[in-house]
């Protein structure tokens, strides 16, 4: 796994947006899991999408579900 300092900037921006959007529901979703491990998973899953089409991340952020924080698979859909 990557250390937190080695994540691309877009991963930190993405997680900040999700934390602001979902608050404690976002934090509770990953309770008991190191934040760096969650970021590493999201980074691995989304990096090829981001590299091919950075606007896809923006689109996903603009179309987040209202009621619950997504996991990485839900975010990609």
N, C-alpha and C. Protein backbone atom coordinates (compact mmCIF):
# COMPACT_ATOMS: atom_id res chain seq x y z
N UNK A 1 0.84 -1.19 0.00
CA UNK A 1 0.00 0.00 0.00
C UNK A 1 0.88 1.25 0.00
N UNK A 2 0.35 2.32 -0.56
CA UNK A 2 1.07 3.59 -0.59
C UNK A 2 0.96 4.28 0.76
N UNK A 3 1.92 5.12 1.05
CA UNK A 3 1.77 5.97 2.22
C UNK A 3 0.94 7.17 1.82
N UNK A 4 0.32 7.79 2.80
CA UNK A 4 -0.57 8.91 2.53
C UNK A 4 0.14 10.02 1.76
N UNK A 5 1.41 10.26 2.06
CA UNK A 5 2.15 11.33 1.40
C UNK A 5 2.36 11.06 -0.08
N UNK A 6 2.24 9.83 -0.53
CA UNK A 6 2.54 9.51 -1.92
C UNK A 6 1.32 9.52 -2.83
N UNK A 7 0.16 9.85 -2.31
CA UNK A 7 -1.03 9.86 -3.16
C UNK A 7 -1.02 11.06 -4.10
N UNK A 8 -1.51 10.86 -5.32
CA UNK A 8 -1.66 12.01 -6.21
C UNK A 8 -2.61 13.04 -5.58
N UNK A 9 -2.44 14.28 -5.94
CA UNK A 9 -3.25 15.36 -5.38
C UNK A 9 -4.74 15.11 -5.59
N UNK A 10 -5.13 14.55 -6.73
CA UNK A 10 -6.55 14.36 -7.02
C UNK A 10 -7.21 13.40 -6.02
N UNK A 11 -6.45 12.47 -5.47
CA UNK A 11 -7.01 11.55 -4.48
C UNK A 11 -7.36 12.32 -3.20
N UNK A 12 -6.46 13.17 -2.76
CA UNK A 12 -6.73 13.96 -1.56
C UNK A 12 -7.90 14.92 -1.78
N UNK A 13 -7.95 15.55 -2.95
CA UNK A 13 -9.07 16.46 -3.26
C UNK A 13 -10.39 15.68 -3.29
N UNK A 14 -10.38 14.53 -3.90
CA UNK A 14 -11.58 13.68 -3.97
C UNK A 14 -12.06 13.32 -2.57
N UNK A 15 -11.16 12.87 -1.72
CA UNK A 15 -11.55 12.46 -0.37
C UNK A 15 -12.02 13.64 0.47
N UNK A 16 -11.43 14.80 0.26
CA UNK A 16 -11.91 15.99 0.97
C UNK A 16 -13.33 16.31 0.55
N UNK A 17 -13.60 16.26 -0.75
CA UNK A 17 -14.96 16.54 -1.24
C UNK A 17 -15.97 15.54 -0.68
N UNK A 18 -15.60 14.27 -0.64
CA UNK A 18 -16.51 13.25 -0.13
C UNK A 18 -16.72 13.40 1.37
N UNK A 19 -15.69 13.75 2.09
CA UNK A 19 -15.81 13.98 3.54
C UNK A 19 -16.72 15.17 3.82
N UNK A 20 -16.57 16.24 3.05
CA UNK A 20 -17.42 17.42 3.22
C UNK A 20 -18.87 17.09 2.85
N UNK A 21 -19.05 16.37 1.79
CA UNK A 21 -20.40 16.05 1.30
C UNK A 21 -21.16 15.14 2.26
N UNK A 22 -20.48 14.13 2.78
CA UNK A 22 -21.17 13.10 3.58
C UNK A 22 -20.88 13.15 5.07
N UNK A 23 -19.91 13.92 5.49
CA UNK A 23 -19.63 14.10 6.91
C UNK A 23 -19.38 12.80 7.64
N UNK A 24 -20.08 12.63 8.75
CA UNK A 24 -19.85 11.47 9.61
C UNK A 24 -20.22 10.15 8.93
N UNK A 25 -21.14 10.18 7.97
CA UNK A 25 -21.48 8.95 7.25
C UNK A 25 -20.29 8.44 6.44
N UNK A 26 -19.50 9.38 5.90
CA UNK A 26 -18.29 9.00 5.16
C UNK A 26 -17.27 8.38 6.10
N UNK A 27 -17.06 9.04 7.23
CA UNK A 27 -16.09 8.53 8.21
C UNK A 27 -16.53 7.17 8.75
N UNK A 28 -17.81 7.01 9.04
CA UNK A 28 -18.32 5.76 9.60
C UNK A 28 -18.20 4.61 8.60
N UNK A 29 -18.32 4.92 7.32
CA UNK A 29 -18.25 3.88 6.30
C UNK A 29 -16.90 3.15 6.34
N UNK A 30 -15.85 3.87 6.72
CA UNK A 30 -14.51 3.30 6.72
C UNK A 30 -13.98 3.08 8.14
N UNK A 31 -14.86 3.08 9.11
CA UNK A 31 -14.44 2.88 10.50
C UNK A 31 -13.65 1.58 10.65
N UNK A 32 -12.53 1.67 11.32
CA UNK A 32 -11.70 0.49 11.55
C UNK A 32 -10.73 0.20 10.42
N UNK A 33 -10.77 1.01 9.36
CA UNK A 33 -9.87 0.83 8.22
C UNK A 33 -9.00 2.09 8.14
N UNK A 34 -7.72 1.91 7.97
CA UNK A 34 -6.81 3.04 7.85
C UNK A 34 -7.18 3.87 6.61
N UNK A 35 -7.22 5.19 6.77
CA UNK A 35 -7.55 6.08 5.66
C UNK A 35 -6.62 5.86 4.48
N UNK A 36 -5.34 5.62 4.75
CA UNK A 36 -4.38 5.39 3.66
C UNK A 36 -4.73 4.13 2.86
N UNK A 37 -5.27 3.12 3.52
CA UNK A 37 -5.67 1.90 2.81
C UNK A 37 -6.87 2.16 1.89
N UNK A 38 -7.82 2.94 2.38
CA UNK A 38 -8.99 3.28 1.57
C UNK A 38 -8.56 4.13 0.37
N UNK A 39 -7.71 5.11 0.62
CA UNK A 39 -7.21 5.97 -0.47
C UNK A 39 -6.44 5.13 -1.49
N UNK A 40 -5.63 4.20 -1.03
CA UNK A 40 -4.86 3.36 -1.94
C UNK A 40 -5.78 2.55 -2.85
N UNK A 41 -6.86 2.02 -2.29
CA UNK A 41 -7.81 1.25 -3.08
C UNK A 41 -8.48 2.12 -4.13
N UNK A 42 -8.96 3.29 -3.71
CA UNK A 42 -9.62 4.21 -4.65
C UNK A 42 -8.64 4.66 -5.72
N UNK A 43 -7.42 4.95 -5.33
CA UNK A 43 -6.40 5.39 -6.28
C UNK A 43 -6.15 4.31 -7.33
N UNK A 44 -6.01 3.09 -6.88
CA UNK A 44 -5.77 1.98 -7.80
C UNK A 44 -6.93 1.80 -8.76
N UNK A 45 -8.14 1.86 -8.25
CA UNK A 45 -9.33 1.64 -9.07
C UNK A 45 -9.60 2.79 -10.04
N UNK A 46 -9.30 4.02 -9.63
CA UNK A 46 -9.67 5.18 -10.43
C UNK A 46 -8.53 5.77 -11.26
N UNK A 47 -7.30 5.37 -11.02
CA UNK A 47 -6.18 6.05 -11.67
C UNK A 47 -6.23 5.94 -13.19
N UNK A 48 -6.58 4.79 -13.74
CA UNK A 48 -6.62 4.68 -15.20
C UNK A 48 -7.76 5.51 -15.78
N UNK A 49 -8.88 5.58 -15.08
CA UNK A 49 -9.99 6.42 -15.53
C UNK A 49 -9.56 7.89 -15.50
N UNK A 50 -8.94 8.31 -14.40
CA UNK A 50 -8.51 9.69 -14.26
C UNK A 50 -7.47 10.06 -15.32
N UNK A 51 -6.55 9.14 -15.59
CA UNK A 51 -5.52 9.41 -16.59
C UNK A 51 -6.13 9.55 -17.98
N UNK A 52 -7.13 8.73 -18.30
CA UNK A 52 -7.77 8.78 -19.62
C UNK A 52 -8.73 9.95 -19.74
N UNK A 53 -9.46 10.23 -18.65
CA UNK A 53 -10.50 11.24 -18.72
C UNK A 53 -10.69 11.92 -17.37
N UNK A 54 -9.89 12.94 -17.08
CA UNK A 54 -9.99 13.62 -15.78
C UNK A 54 -11.39 14.18 -15.50
N UNK A 55 -12.12 14.49 -16.54
CA UNK A 55 -13.47 15.04 -16.35
C UNK A 55 -14.44 13.99 -15.81
N UNK A 56 -14.09 12.72 -15.91
CA UNK A 56 -14.96 11.66 -15.38
C UNK A 56 -15.08 11.78 -13.87
N UNK A 57 -14.00 12.15 -13.20
CA UNK A 57 -14.03 12.32 -11.75
C UNK A 57 -14.94 13.49 -11.40
N UNK A 58 -14.80 14.59 -12.13
CA UNK A 58 -15.66 15.76 -11.91
C UNK A 58 -17.12 15.39 -12.13
N UNK A 59 -17.40 14.64 -13.18
CA UNK A 59 -18.77 14.21 -13.46
C UNK A 59 -19.31 13.39 -12.29
N UNK A 60 -18.52 12.46 -11.81
CA UNK A 60 -18.96 11.62 -10.70
C UNK A 60 -19.22 12.45 -9.45
N UNK A 61 -18.35 13.41 -9.17
CA UNK A 61 -18.55 14.27 -8.00
C UNK A 61 -19.82 15.11 -8.12
N UNK A 62 -20.16 15.49 -9.34
CA UNK A 62 -21.37 16.29 -9.55
C UNK A 62 -22.64 15.45 -9.56
N UNK A 63 -22.51 14.13 -9.55
CA UNK A 63 -23.67 13.24 -9.59
C UNK A 63 -23.64 12.21 -8.47
N UNK A 64 -23.17 12.62 -7.30
CA UNK A 64 -23.13 11.73 -6.15
C UNK A 64 -24.53 11.44 -5.63
N UNK A 65 -24.73 10.24 -5.07
CA UNK A 65 -26.02 9.96 -4.45
C UNK A 65 -26.24 10.88 -3.25
N UNK A 66 -27.48 11.28 -3.03
CA UNK A 66 -27.80 12.19 -1.93
C UNK A 66 -27.81 11.50 -0.57
N UNK A 67 -28.21 10.25 -0.53
CA UNK A 67 -28.53 9.60 0.74
C UNK A 67 -27.40 8.82 1.39
N UNK A 68 -26.36 8.47 0.65
CA UNK A 68 -25.33 7.62 1.23
C UNK A 68 -24.02 7.81 0.49
N UNK A 69 -22.91 7.64 1.20
CA UNK A 69 -21.61 7.74 0.52
C UNK A 69 -21.33 6.47 -0.28
N UNK A 70 -20.85 6.62 -1.50
CA UNK A 70 -20.58 5.43 -2.33
C UNK A 70 -19.27 4.78 -1.95
N UNK A 71 -19.15 3.50 -2.29
CA UNK A 71 -17.84 2.87 -2.29
C UNK A 71 -17.22 3.15 -3.65
N UNK A 72 -16.04 2.66 -3.91
CA UNK A 72 -15.37 2.99 -5.18
C UNK A 72 -16.16 2.46 -6.38
N UNK A 73 -16.77 1.29 -6.27
CA UNK A 73 -17.55 0.76 -7.38
C UNK A 73 -18.76 1.64 -7.68
N UNK A 74 -19.44 2.09 -6.63
CA UNK A 74 -20.58 2.99 -6.82
C UNK A 74 -20.15 4.32 -7.41
N UNK A 75 -19.00 4.80 -7.01
CA UNK A 75 -18.47 6.06 -7.54
C UNK A 75 -18.19 5.92 -9.02
N UNK A 76 -17.62 4.80 -9.43
CA UNK A 76 -17.31 4.59 -10.85
C UNK A 76 -18.57 4.50 -11.71
N UNK A 77 -19.63 3.95 -11.15
CA UNK A 77 -20.89 3.85 -11.92
C UNK A 77 -21.49 5.21 -12.10
